[in-house]
Amino acid sequence: MTTTIFLVRHAAHDNVGSFLAGRTPGIRLGVEGRAQAERLGQRMGRERFDAVIASPRERTQETASAVALAYGLTVRTDERLDEIDFGDAWSGKTWDALNCDPAWVQWNEQRGTARTAGGESMSEVQARAVAALSDAASLRADGAVVLVTHADIIKAVVCHVLDLPLGHVHRFDISPASITPIVWGDWGARLLWLNETIA
């Protein structure tokens, strides 16, 4: 039995790319992001799925709601799909400020071994994300499910599926409102395609 899992990154919030949002509360989709999420929902309406599960962050919940409308589904929340715990020392900081922090530089240069200011390692992120996928697959055997989460969470899962070292997460992009589907089964997992973007 296999399950198709559509990994979806949340749509863009107003200041995406200008600072590290992390788990900072209250970061929601703006006008452009809501329109992007609506287009994503229309695109996902061409797929078959019977569950939508999302990270608890506001931006993922809003994106997931737009996708769930395609089939009139209710969004479920899974804490294991949450953004990386960057801690208060990094969350909300601009990239310029972060690039002056040696610990931040080390985190990006040594993703396979370093820990964030919040104390989470990339391997721990990968373990919780993979567990969430495994549980979603077991609930939807021979079906399909949409998981709405964050870029680094999707990157960690892709590294797991392709057996790539976690230090290679910088070698591919996961864009806002993008779709990365995976087939998950008892035999393992297979990446169908990577980072389909919604204009």
N, C-alpha and C. Protein backbone atom coordinates (compact mmCIF):
# COMPACT_ATOMS: atom_id res chain seq x y z
N MET A 1 0.84 -1.20 0.00
CA MET A 1 0.00 0.00 0.00
C MET A 1 0.87 1.25 0.00
N THR A 2 0.44 2.25 -0.72
CA THR A 2 1.20 3.49 -0.80
C THR A 2 0.28 4.69 -0.53
N THR A 3 0.90 5.77 -0.10
CA THR A 3 0.19 7.03 0.12
C THR A 3 0.94 8.13 -0.61
N THR A 4 0.21 8.97 -1.31
CA THR A 4 0.82 10.16 -1.91
C THR A 4 0.72 11.29 -0.91
N ILE A 5 1.85 11.87 -0.61
CA ILE A 5 1.91 12.98 0.35
C ILE A 5 2.37 14.23 -0.39
N PHE A 6 1.49 15.21 -0.45
CA PHE A 6 1.82 16.50 -1.06
C PHE A 6 2.39 17.41 0.01
N LEU A 7 3.69 17.63 -0.04
CA LEU A 7 4.33 18.57 0.88
C LEU A 7 4.19 19.98 0.30
N VAL A 8 3.54 20.85 1.05
CA VAL A 8 3.25 22.20 0.57
C VAL A 8 3.87 23.21 1.53
N ARG A 9 4.63 24.13 0.97
CA ARG A 9 5.12 25.23 1.81
C ARG A 9 4.04 26.31 1.87
N HIS A 10 3.92 26.95 3.01
CA HIS A 10 2.94 28.03 3.17
C HIS A 10 3.17 29.14 2.16
N ALA A 11 2.12 29.87 1.86
CA ALA A 11 2.23 31.04 0.99
C ALA A 11 3.04 32.14 1.70
N ALA A 12 3.43 33.14 0.93
CA ALA A 12 4.31 34.17 1.45
C ALA A 12 3.60 35.13 2.39
N HIS A 13 4.24 35.43 3.52
CA HIS A 13 3.74 36.52 4.35
C HIS A 13 4.31 37.82 3.81
N ASP A 14 3.87 38.94 4.33
CA ASP A 14 4.22 40.24 3.74
C ASP A 14 5.71 40.49 3.66
N ASN A 15 6.46 40.04 4.65
CA ASN A 15 7.89 40.36 4.70
C ASN A 15 8.76 39.14 4.50
N VAL A 16 8.26 38.13 3.76
CA VAL A 16 9.05 36.93 3.53
C VAL A 16 10.35 37.32 2.83
N GLY A 17 11.44 36.75 3.30
CA GLY A 17 12.75 37.05 2.72
C GLY A 17 13.49 38.19 3.37
N SER A 18 12.83 38.93 4.28
CA SER A 18 13.50 40.07 4.91
C SER A 18 13.96 39.77 6.33
N PHE A 19 13.35 38.76 6.97
CA PHE A 19 13.76 38.40 8.32
C PHE A 19 13.41 36.94 8.58
N LEU A 20 13.93 36.40 9.67
CA LEU A 20 13.66 35.01 10.04
C LEU A 20 12.38 34.97 10.87
N ALA A 21 11.32 34.48 10.27
CA ALA A 21 10.03 34.44 10.98
C ALA A 21 10.06 33.40 12.09
N GLY A 22 10.57 32.21 11.80
CA GLY A 22 10.63 31.15 12.81
C GLY A 22 9.27 30.89 13.41
N ARG A 23 9.23 30.79 14.74
CA ARG A 23 7.98 30.54 15.45
C ARG A 23 7.39 31.82 16.05
N THR A 24 7.82 32.98 15.57
CA THR A 24 7.28 34.25 16.04
C THR A 24 5.77 34.25 15.84
N PRO A 25 4.99 34.52 16.90
CA PRO A 25 3.53 34.50 16.75
C PRO A 25 3.02 35.69 15.94
N GLY A 26 1.85 35.50 15.34
CA GLY A 26 1.17 36.61 14.68
C GLY A 26 1.59 36.89 13.26
N ILE A 27 2.44 36.05 12.68
CA ILE A 27 2.86 36.28 11.29
C ILE A 27 1.86 35.60 10.37
N ARG A 28 1.06 36.42 9.72
CA ARG A 28 -0.04 35.92 8.90
C ARG A 28 0.20 36.27 7.43
N LEU A 29 -0.61 35.71 6.56
CA LEU A 29 -0.53 36.04 5.15
C LEU A 29 -1.11 37.43 4.92
N GLY A 30 -0.41 38.20 4.10
CA GLY A 30 -0.94 39.49 3.70
C GLY A 30 -1.83 39.35 2.48
N VAL A 31 -2.16 40.46 1.84
CA VAL A 31 -3.05 40.44 0.68
C VAL A 31 -2.46 39.57 -0.43
N GLU A 32 -1.19 39.78 -0.74
CA GLU A 32 -0.55 39.00 -1.81
C GLU A 32 -0.46 37.51 -1.43
N GLY A 33 -0.13 37.23 -0.18
CA GLY A 33 -0.03 35.85 0.28
C GLY A 33 -1.37 35.13 0.25
N ARG A 34 -2.45 35.83 0.61
CA ARG A 34 -3.78 35.22 0.55
C ARG A 34 -4.17 34.90 -0.89
N ALA A 35 -3.81 35.79 -1.81
CA ALA A 35 -4.09 35.53 -3.23
C ALA A 35 -3.27 34.34 -3.72
N GLN A 36 -2.03 34.25 -3.27
CA GLN A 36 -1.17 33.13 -3.63
C GLN A 36 -1.75 31.82 -3.08
N ALA A 37 -2.22 31.84 -1.83
CA ALA A 37 -2.83 30.66 -1.23
C ALA A 37 -4.09 30.25 -1.98
N GLU A 38 -4.86 31.23 -2.44
CA GLU A 38 -6.06 30.91 -3.21
C GLU A 38 -5.70 30.22 -4.52
N ARG A 39 -4.65 30.71 -5.20
CA ARG A 39 -4.20 30.07 -6.44
C ARG A 39 -3.69 28.66 -6.16
N LEU A 40 -3.02 28.49 -5.03
CA LEU A 40 -2.56 27.16 -4.63
C LEU A 40 -3.74 26.22 -4.42
N GLY A 41 -4.78 26.73 -3.75
CA GLY A 41 -5.97 25.92 -3.53
C GLY A 41 -6.61 25.49 -4.84
N GLN A 42 -6.65 26.41 -5.83
CA GLN A 42 -7.19 26.07 -7.14
C GLN A 42 -6.33 25.00 -7.82
N ARG A 43 -5.02 25.14 -7.70
CA ARG A 43 -4.13 24.12 -8.29
C ARG A 43 -4.32 22.77 -7.62
N MET A 44 -4.43 22.75 -6.30
CA MET A 44 -4.58 21.48 -5.59
C MET A 44 -5.96 20.85 -5.83
N GLY A 45 -6.90 21.65 -6.31
CA GLY A 45 -8.21 21.11 -6.66
C GLY A 45 -8.14 20.11 -7.80
N ARG A 46 -7.02 20.09 -8.54
CA ARG A 46 -6.84 19.11 -9.62
C ARG A 46 -6.32 17.77 -9.10
N GLU A 47 -5.95 17.72 -7.82
CA GLU A 47 -5.43 16.50 -7.23
C GLU A 47 -6.51 15.82 -6.39
N ARG A 48 -6.29 14.57 -6.08
CA ARG A 48 -7.18 13.82 -5.19
C ARG A 48 -6.51 13.69 -3.83
N PHE A 49 -7.15 14.16 -2.78
CA PHE A 49 -6.63 13.97 -1.43
C PHE A 49 -7.80 14.00 -0.46
N ASP A 50 -7.62 13.37 0.69
CA ASP A 50 -8.74 13.29 1.63
C ASP A 50 -8.39 13.77 3.03
N ALA A 51 -7.25 14.45 3.17
CA ALA A 51 -6.89 15.05 4.45
C ALA A 51 -5.91 16.18 4.22
N VAL A 52 -6.02 17.21 5.06
CA VAL A 52 -5.07 18.33 5.06
C VAL A 52 -4.58 18.52 6.48
N ILE A 53 -3.27 18.44 6.66
CA ILE A 53 -2.65 18.56 7.99
C ILE A 53 -1.62 19.68 7.92
N ALA A 54 -1.55 20.50 8.95
CA ALA A 54 -0.68 21.67 8.89
C ALA A 54 0.07 21.90 10.18
N SER A 55 1.17 22.61 10.05
CA SER A 55 1.91 23.17 11.18
C SER A 55 0.99 24.13 11.94
N PRO A 56 1.26 24.37 13.22
CA PRO A 56 0.38 25.28 13.98
C PRO A 56 0.57 26.77 13.69
N ARG A 57 1.59 27.15 12.91
CA ARG A 57 1.82 28.57 12.63
C ARG A 57 0.65 29.17 11.85
N GLU A 58 0.35 30.44 12.09
CA GLU A 58 -0.78 31.09 11.43
C GLU A 58 -0.68 31.03 9.92
N ARG A 59 0.52 31.26 9.38
CA ARG A 59 0.68 31.30 7.92
C ARG A 59 0.44 29.93 7.28
N THR A 60 0.76 28.85 8.00
CA THR A 60 0.50 27.52 7.45
C THR A 60 -0.98 27.17 7.58
N GLN A 61 -1.60 27.56 8.68
CA GLN A 61 -3.02 27.29 8.87
C GLN A 61 -3.86 28.01 7.81
N GLU A 62 -3.50 29.26 7.51
CA GLU A 62 -4.23 30.01 6.50
C GLU A 62 -4.05 29.40 5.11
N THR A 63 -2.84 28.98 4.81
CA THR A 63 -2.57 28.33 3.53
C THR A 63 -3.32 27.00 3.44
N ALA A 64 -3.28 26.23 4.52
CA ALA A 64 -3.95 24.93 4.54
C ALA A 64 -5.46 25.09 4.36
N SER A 65 -6.03 26.13 4.94
CA SER A 65 -7.47 26.36 4.80
C SER A 65 -7.86 26.61 3.35
N ALA A 66 -7.00 27.34 2.62
CA ALA A 66 -7.27 27.59 1.20
C ALA A 66 -7.21 26.29 0.41
N VAL A 67 -6.29 25.41 0.77
CA VAL A 67 -6.18 24.11 0.09
C VAL A 67 -7.35 23.21 0.45
N ALA A 68 -7.73 23.20 1.71
CA ALA A 68 -8.81 22.32 2.18
C ALA A 68 -10.14 22.65 1.52
N LEU A 69 -10.32 23.91 1.10
CA LEU A 69 -11.57 24.30 0.44
C LEU A 69 -11.83 23.50 -0.82
N ALA A 70 -10.75 23.00 -1.45
CA ALA A 70 -10.90 22.25 -2.69
C ALA A 70 -11.83 21.05 -2.51
N TYR A 71 -11.82 20.46 -1.31
CA TYR A 71 -12.67 19.30 -1.05
C TYR A 71 -13.53 19.47 0.20
N GLY A 72 -13.64 20.68 0.71
CA GLY A 72 -14.48 20.92 1.87
C GLY A 72 -13.99 20.21 3.11
N LEU A 73 -12.67 20.12 3.26
CA LEU A 73 -12.08 19.40 4.38
C LEU A 73 -11.77 20.35 5.54
N THR A 74 -11.63 19.77 6.73
CA THR A 74 -11.20 20.51 7.91
C THR A 74 -9.71 20.30 8.10
N VAL A 75 -8.99 21.36 8.41
CA VAL A 75 -7.55 21.27 8.60
C VAL A 75 -7.24 20.68 9.97
N ARG A 76 -6.40 19.67 9.99
CA ARG A 76 -5.87 19.13 11.24
C ARG A 76 -4.50 19.72 11.49
N THR A 77 -4.09 19.78 12.76
CA THR A 77 -2.80 20.35 13.14
C THR A 77 -1.89 19.27 13.69
N ASP A 78 -0.63 19.31 13.26
CA ASP A 78 0.38 18.39 13.78
C ASP A 78 1.60 19.23 14.18
N GLU A 79 1.90 19.25 15.48
CA GLU A 79 3.02 20.04 16.00
C GLU A 79 4.35 19.62 15.39
N ARG A 80 4.44 18.40 14.93
CA ARG A 80 5.71 17.91 14.37
C ARG A 80 6.03 18.55 13.02
N LEU A 81 5.06 19.23 12.43
CA LEU A 81 5.28 19.94 11.17
C LEU A 81 5.66 21.40 11.41
N ASP A 82 5.82 21.79 12.66
CA ASP A 82 6.12 23.17 13.01
C ASP A 82 7.48 23.60 12.45
N GLU A 83 7.64 24.90 12.36
CA GLU A 83 8.91 25.49 11.94
C GLU A 83 10.02 25.05 12.89
N ILE A 84 11.26 25.12 12.43
CA ILE A 84 12.41 24.85 13.30
C ILE A 84 12.35 25.80 14.50
N ASP A 85 12.72 25.29 15.67
CA ASP A 85 12.77 26.13 16.87
C ASP A 85 14.09 26.90 16.86
N PHE A 86 14.03 28.14 16.38
CA PHE A 86 15.22 28.98 16.32
C PHE A 86 15.46 29.73 17.62
N GLY A 87 14.50 29.73 18.52
CA GLY A 87 14.66 30.43 19.79
C GLY A 87 14.50 31.93 19.63
N ASP A 88 14.35 32.62 20.76
CA ASP A 88 14.15 34.07 20.75
C ASP A 88 15.38 34.83 20.27
N ALA A 89 16.54 34.22 20.39
CA ALA A 89 17.77 34.91 19.98
C ALA A 89 17.84 35.13 18.47
N TRP A 90 17.16 34.29 17.70
CA TRP A 90 17.21 34.39 16.24
C TRP A 90 15.87 34.77 15.61
N SER A 91 14.78 34.28 16.15
CA SER A 91 13.47 34.53 15.54
C SER A 91 13.17 36.03 15.49
N GLY A 92 12.71 36.49 14.35
CA GLY A 92 12.37 37.89 14.16
C GLY A 92 13.52 38.78 13.75
N LYS A 93 14.74 38.24 13.71
CA LYS A 93 15.91 39.03 13.35
C LYS A 93 16.07 39.13 11.84
N THR A 94 16.63 40.24 11.38
CA THR A 94 16.90 40.40 9.95
C THR A 94 18.09 39.52 9.57
N TRP A 95 18.20 39.25 8.28
CA TRP A 95 19.31 38.42 7.81
C TRP A 95 20.65 39.12 8.04
N ASP A 96 20.69 40.43 7.91
CA ASP A 96 21.94 41.16 8.15
C ASP A 96 22.40 40.97 9.59
N ALA A 97 21.46 41.06 10.53
CA ALA A 97 21.81 40.88 11.94
C ALA A 97 22.24 39.44 12.21
N LEU A 98 21.54 38.49 11.63
CA LEU A 98 21.89 37.08 11.85
C LEU A 98 23.26 36.74 11.29
N ASN A 99 23.60 37.32 10.15
CA ASN A 99 24.88 37.00 9.52
C ASN A 99 26.06 37.53 10.31
N CYS A 100 25.82 38.37 11.32
CA CYS A 100 26.88 38.84 12.21
C CYS A 100 27.01 37.95 13.45
N ASP A 101 26.15 36.95 13.58
CA ASP A 101 26.14 36.06 14.74
C ASP A 101 26.92 34.78 14.39
N PRO A 102 28.05 34.53 15.04
CA PRO A 102 28.85 33.34 14.71
C PRO A 102 28.08 32.03 14.84
N ALA A 103 27.15 31.97 15.80
CA ALA A 103 26.37 30.74 15.99
C ALA A 103 25.44 30.51 14.79
N TRP A 104 24.89 31.59 14.25
CA TRP A 104 24.04 31.48 13.07
C TRP A 104 24.86 31.02 11.87
N VAL A 105 26.03 31.58 11.71
CA VAL A 105 26.91 31.19 10.60
C VAL A 105 27.27 29.70 10.73
N GLN A 106 27.58 29.27 11.93
CA GLN A 106 27.91 27.86 12.15
C GLN A 106 26.73 26.96 11.81
N TRP A 107 25.51 27.38 12.22
CA TRP A 107 24.30 26.60 11.92
C TRP A 107 24.16 26.38 10.41
N ASN A 108 24.40 27.41 9.64
CA ASN A 108 24.24 27.30 8.19
C ASN A 108 25.39 26.57 7.52
N GLU A 109 26.57 26.66 8.07
CA GLU A 109 27.72 25.97 7.47
C GLU A 109 27.80 24.51 7.88
N GLN A 110 27.18 24.16 9.02
CA GLN A 110 27.29 22.79 9.55
C GLN A 110 25.90 22.26 9.91
N ARG A 111 24.98 22.29 8.95
CA ARG A 111 23.60 21.90 9.23
C ARG A 111 23.49 20.46 9.75
N GLY A 112 24.40 19.62 9.35
CA GLY A 112 24.33 18.23 9.79
C GLY A 112 24.61 18.03 11.26
N THR A 113 25.32 18.98 11.90
CA THR A 113 25.75 18.77 13.29
C THR A 113 25.41 19.92 14.23
N ALA A 114 25.23 21.12 13.72
CA ALA A 114 25.02 22.29 14.59
C ALA A 114 23.60 22.30 15.16
N ARG A 115 23.41 23.11 16.22
CA ARG A 115 22.09 23.29 16.83
C ARG A 115 21.70 24.76 16.73
N THR A 116 20.40 24.99 16.69
CA THR A 116 19.90 26.36 16.65
C THR A 116 20.01 26.99 18.04
N ALA A 117 19.74 28.30 18.09
CA ALA A 117 19.72 29.00 19.39
C ALA A 117 18.61 28.44 20.28
N GLY A 118 17.58 27.87 19.66
CA GLY A 118 16.50 27.24 20.43
C GLY A 118 16.83 25.83 20.87
N GLY A 119 17.98 25.31 20.44
CA GLY A 119 18.44 24.01 20.89
C GLY A 119 18.08 22.84 20.00
N GLU A 120 17.50 23.10 18.82
CA GLU A 120 17.06 22.00 17.95
C GLU A 120 18.10 21.76 16.85
N SER A 121 18.38 20.49 16.60
CA SER A 121 19.30 20.13 15.52
C SER A 121 18.50 19.75 14.28
N MET A 122 19.14 19.79 13.14
CA MET A 122 18.47 19.44 11.90
C MET A 122 18.07 17.96 11.89
N SER A 123 18.86 17.12 12.51
CA SER A 123 18.50 15.69 12.57
C SER A 123 17.24 15.49 13.42
N GLU A 124 17.08 16.28 14.47
CA GLU A 124 15.86 16.20 15.28
C GLU A 124 14.65 16.70 14.48
N VAL A 125 14.86 17.76 13.73
CA VAL A 125 13.80 18.28 12.86
C VAL A 125 13.38 17.20 11.86
N GLN A 126 14.36 16.57 11.25
CA GLN A 126 14.08 15.53 10.26
C GLN A 126 13.33 14.36 10.89
N ALA A 127 13.74 13.96 12.09
CA ALA A 127 13.10 12.81 12.75
C ALA A 127 11.63 13.09 13.03
N ARG A 128 11.31 14.30 13.53
CA ARG A 128 9.90 14.58 13.84
C ARG A 128 9.08 14.72 12.57
N ALA A 129 9.67 15.31 11.53
CA ALA A 129 8.93 15.47 10.28
C ALA A 129 8.66 14.12 9.62
N VAL A 130 9.66 13.26 9.60
CA VAL A 130 9.49 11.94 9.00
C VAL A 130 8.45 11.13 9.78
N ALA A 131 8.46 11.25 11.09
CA ALA A 131 7.45 10.56 11.91
C ALA A 131 6.05 11.07 11.58
N ALA A 132 5.90 12.37 11.35
CA ALA A 132 4.60 12.93 10.98
C ALA A 132 4.14 12.38 9.64
N LEU A 133 5.05 12.27 8.68
CA LEU A 133 4.70 11.71 7.38
C LEU A 133 4.31 10.25 7.49
N SER A 134 5.05 9.50 8.28
CA SER A 134 4.76 8.08 8.45
C SER A 134 3.37 7.88 9.05
N ASP A 135 3.04 8.68 10.05
CA ASP A 135 1.71 8.57 10.68
C ASP A 135 0.61 8.98 9.71
N ALA A 136 0.84 10.05 8.94
CA ALA A 136 -0.16 10.49 7.96
C ALA A 136 -0.39 9.41 6.90
N ALA A 137 0.70 8.75 6.49
CA ALA A 137 0.59 7.69 5.49
C ALA A 137 -0.19 6.50 6.03
N SER A 138 0.04 6.16 7.28
CA SER A 138 -0.66 5.01 7.86
C SER A 138 -2.15 5.27 8.01
N LEU A 139 -2.53 6.53 8.16
CA LEU A 139 -3.95 6.88 8.27
C LEU A 139 -4.64 6.94 6.91
N ARG A 140 -3.86 7.13 5.87
CA ARG A 140 -4.42 7.31 4.52
C ARG A 140 -3.78 6.32 3.55
N ALA A 141 -3.74 5.05 3.91
CA ALA A 141 -3.17 4.03 3.04
C ALA A 141 -3.93 3.99 1.71
N ASP A 142 -3.16 3.96 0.63
CA ASP A 142 -3.73 3.97 -0.72
C ASP A 142 -4.55 5.22 -1.00
N GLY A 143 -4.26 6.29 -0.28
CA GLY A 143 -4.92 7.56 -0.50
C GLY A 143 -3.91 8.67 -0.69
N ALA A 144 -4.31 9.87 -0.37
CA ALA A 144 -3.42 11.02 -0.50
C ALA A 144 -3.73 12.03 0.58
N VAL A 145 -2.70 12.74 1.00
CA VAL A 145 -2.84 13.72 2.07
C VAL A 145 -1.95 14.91 1.74
N VAL A 146 -2.38 16.09 2.16
CA VAL A 146 -1.60 17.32 1.98
C VAL A 146 -1.05 17.73 3.34
N LEU A 147 0.25 17.96 3.40
CA LEU A 147 0.88 18.46 4.62
C LEU A 147 1.42 19.85 4.33
N VAL A 148 0.92 20.86 5.05
CA VAL A 148 1.35 22.24 4.84
C VAL A 148 2.32 22.61 5.95
N THR A 149 3.54 22.97 5.55
CA THR A 149 4.59 23.17 6.54
C THR A 149 5.56 24.25 6.05
N HIS A 150 6.82 24.14 6.41
CA HIS A 150 7.82 25.19 6.18
C HIS A 150 8.97 24.67 5.31
N ALA A 151 9.73 25.60 4.73
CA ALA A 151 10.75 25.23 3.75
C ALA A 151 11.76 24.22 4.31
N ASP A 152 12.33 24.50 5.48
CA ASP A 152 13.37 23.61 6.01
C ASP A 152 12.81 22.25 6.43
N ILE A 153 11.54 22.20 6.80
CA ILE A 153 10.92 20.92 7.14
C ILE A 153 10.82 20.07 5.88
N ILE A 154 10.38 20.68 4.78
CA ILE A 154 10.30 19.96 3.51
C ILE A 154 11.68 19.55 3.04
N LYS A 155 12.65 20.43 3.18
CA LYS A 155 14.03 20.09 2.78
C LYS A 155 14.55 18.89 3.57
N ALA A 156 14.26 18.85 4.86
CA ALA A 156 14.72 17.73 5.69
C ALA A 156 14.10 16.42 5.23
N VAL A 157 12.81 16.46 4.86
CA VAL A 157 12.14 15.26 4.38
C VAL A 157 12.72 14.82 3.03
N VAL A 158 12.95 15.77 2.14
CA VAL A 158 13.52 15.44 0.84
C VAL A 158 14.90 14.80 1.01
N CYS A 159 15.71 15.33 1.91
CA CYS A 159 17.02 14.73 2.19
C CYS A 159 16.86 13.29 2.68
N HIS A 160 15.85 13.05 3.51
CA HIS A 160 15.59 11.70 3.99
C HIS A 160 15.23 10.77 2.84
N VAL A 161 14.32 11.21 1.98
CA VAL A 161 13.85 10.37 0.88
C VAL A 161 14.97 10.07 -0.10
N LEU A 162 15.79 11.07 -0.40
CA LEU A 162 16.87 10.90 -1.38
C LEU A 162 18.18 10.43 -0.76
N ASP A 163 18.15 10.20 0.56
CA ASP A 163 19.35 9.75 1.28
C ASP A 163 20.50 10.75 1.11
N LEU A 164 20.17 12.02 1.23
CA LEU A 164 21.18 13.08 1.14
C LEU A 164 21.61 13.52 2.53
N PRO A 165 22.87 13.84 2.73
CA PRO A 165 23.28 14.41 4.01
C PRO A 165 22.53 15.72 4.28
N LEU A 166 22.23 15.98 5.54
CA LEU A 166 21.49 17.19 5.89
C LEU A 166 22.26 18.47 5.56
N GLY A 167 23.55 18.35 5.43
CA GLY A 167 24.34 19.50 5.02
C GLY A 167 24.06 19.96 3.61
N HIS A 168 23.29 19.16 2.85
CA HIS A 168 22.99 19.50 1.46
C HIS A 168 21.67 20.24 1.30
N VAL A 169 21.04 20.67 2.39
CA VAL A 169 19.74 21.35 2.28
C VAL A 169 19.81 22.65 1.49
N HIS A 170 20.99 23.23 1.37
CA HIS A 170 21.12 24.49 0.62
C HIS A 170 21.21 24.27 -0.88
N ARG A 171 21.23 23.02 -1.32
CA ARG A 171 21.44 22.74 -2.74
C ARG A 171 20.16 22.77 -3.57
N PHE A 172 19.01 22.96 -2.93
CA PHE A 172 17.76 23.08 -3.68
C PHE A 172 16.84 24.03 -2.93
N ASP A 173 15.89 24.58 -3.65
CA ASP A 173 14.96 25.57 -3.10
C ASP A 173 13.58 24.97 -2.86
N ILE A 174 12.90 25.50 -1.86
CA ILE A 174 11.49 25.22 -1.61
C ILE A 174 10.81 26.58 -1.51
N SER A 175 10.09 26.95 -2.54
CA SER A 175 9.51 28.29 -2.65
C SER A 175 8.18 28.40 -1.90
N PRO A 176 7.78 29.62 -1.53
CA PRO A 176 6.46 29.80 -0.93
C PRO A 176 5.36 29.26 -1.85
N ALA A 177 4.37 28.61 -1.25
CA ALA A 177 3.22 28.04 -1.96
C ALA A 177 3.63 26.99 -3.00
N SER A 178 4.75 26.31 -2.75
CA SER A 178 5.20 25.27 -3.69
C SER A 178 4.70 23.90 -3.27
N ILE A 179 4.72 22.97 -4.24
CA ILE A 179 4.24 21.61 -4.04
C ILE A 179 5.38 20.64 -4.33
N THR A 180 5.62 19.73 -3.37
CA THR A 180 6.64 18.69 -3.51
C THR A 180 6.01 17.36 -3.10
N PRO A 181 5.54 16.56 -4.06
CA PRO A 181 4.86 15.31 -3.71
C PRO A 181 5.82 14.12 -3.56
N ILE A 182 5.45 13.26 -2.63
CA ILE A 182 6.23 12.06 -2.32
C ILE A 182 5.27 10.88 -2.26
N VAL A 183 5.70 9.74 -2.79
CA VAL A 183 4.96 8.50 -2.61
C VAL A 183 5.60 7.75 -1.45
N TRP A 184 4.79 7.36 -0.47
CA TRP A 184 5.28 6.75 0.78
C TRP A 184 4.70 5.35 0.90
N GLY A 185 5.55 4.36 1.13
CA GLY A 185 5.06 3.00 1.28
C GLY A 185 5.91 2.19 2.24
N ASP A 186 5.53 0.94 2.46
CA ASP A 186 6.29 0.06 3.34
C ASP A 186 7.70 -0.17 2.83
N TRP A 187 7.88 -0.03 1.53
CA TRP A 187 9.18 -0.27 0.87
C TRP A 187 10.10 0.95 0.97
N GLY A 188 9.56 2.09 1.39
CA GLY A 188 10.35 3.32 1.46
C GLY A 188 9.57 4.48 0.90
N ALA A 189 10.24 5.41 0.26
CA ALA A 189 9.58 6.60 -0.28
C ALA A 189 10.27 7.02 -1.57
N ARG A 190 9.50 7.71 -2.41
CA ARG A 190 10.02 8.17 -3.70
C ARG A 190 9.53 9.59 -3.95
N LEU A 191 10.45 10.46 -4.34
CA LEU A 191 10.12 11.84 -4.70
C LEU A 191 9.54 11.86 -6.10
N LEU A 192 8.35 12.45 -6.26
CA LEU A 192 7.74 12.54 -7.59
C LEU A 192 8.24 13.76 -8.35
N TRP A 193 8.20 14.93 -7.73
CA TRP A 193 8.83 16.11 -8.30
C TRP A 193 9.10 17.10 -7.18
N LEU A 194 9.88 18.13 -7.50
CA LEU A 194 10.37 19.04 -6.46
C LEU A 194 9.98 20.48 -6.78
N ASN A 195 9.37 21.13 -5.78
CA ASN A 195 9.21 22.59 -5.79
C ASN A 195 8.43 23.11 -7.01
N GLU A 196 7.26 22.53 -7.25
CA GLU A 196 6.36 23.11 -8.26
C GLU A 196 5.83 24.43 -7.70
N THR A 197 6.12 25.50 -8.38
CA THR A 197 5.75 26.83 -7.84
C THR A 197 4.43 27.31 -8.40
N ILE A 198 3.74 28.11 -7.61
CA ILE A 198 2.47 28.71 -8.00
C ILE A 198 2.72 30.18 -8.29
N ALA A 199 2.46 30.61 -9.51
CA ALA A 199 2.74 31.99 -9.90
C ALA A 199 1.83 32.97 -9.16
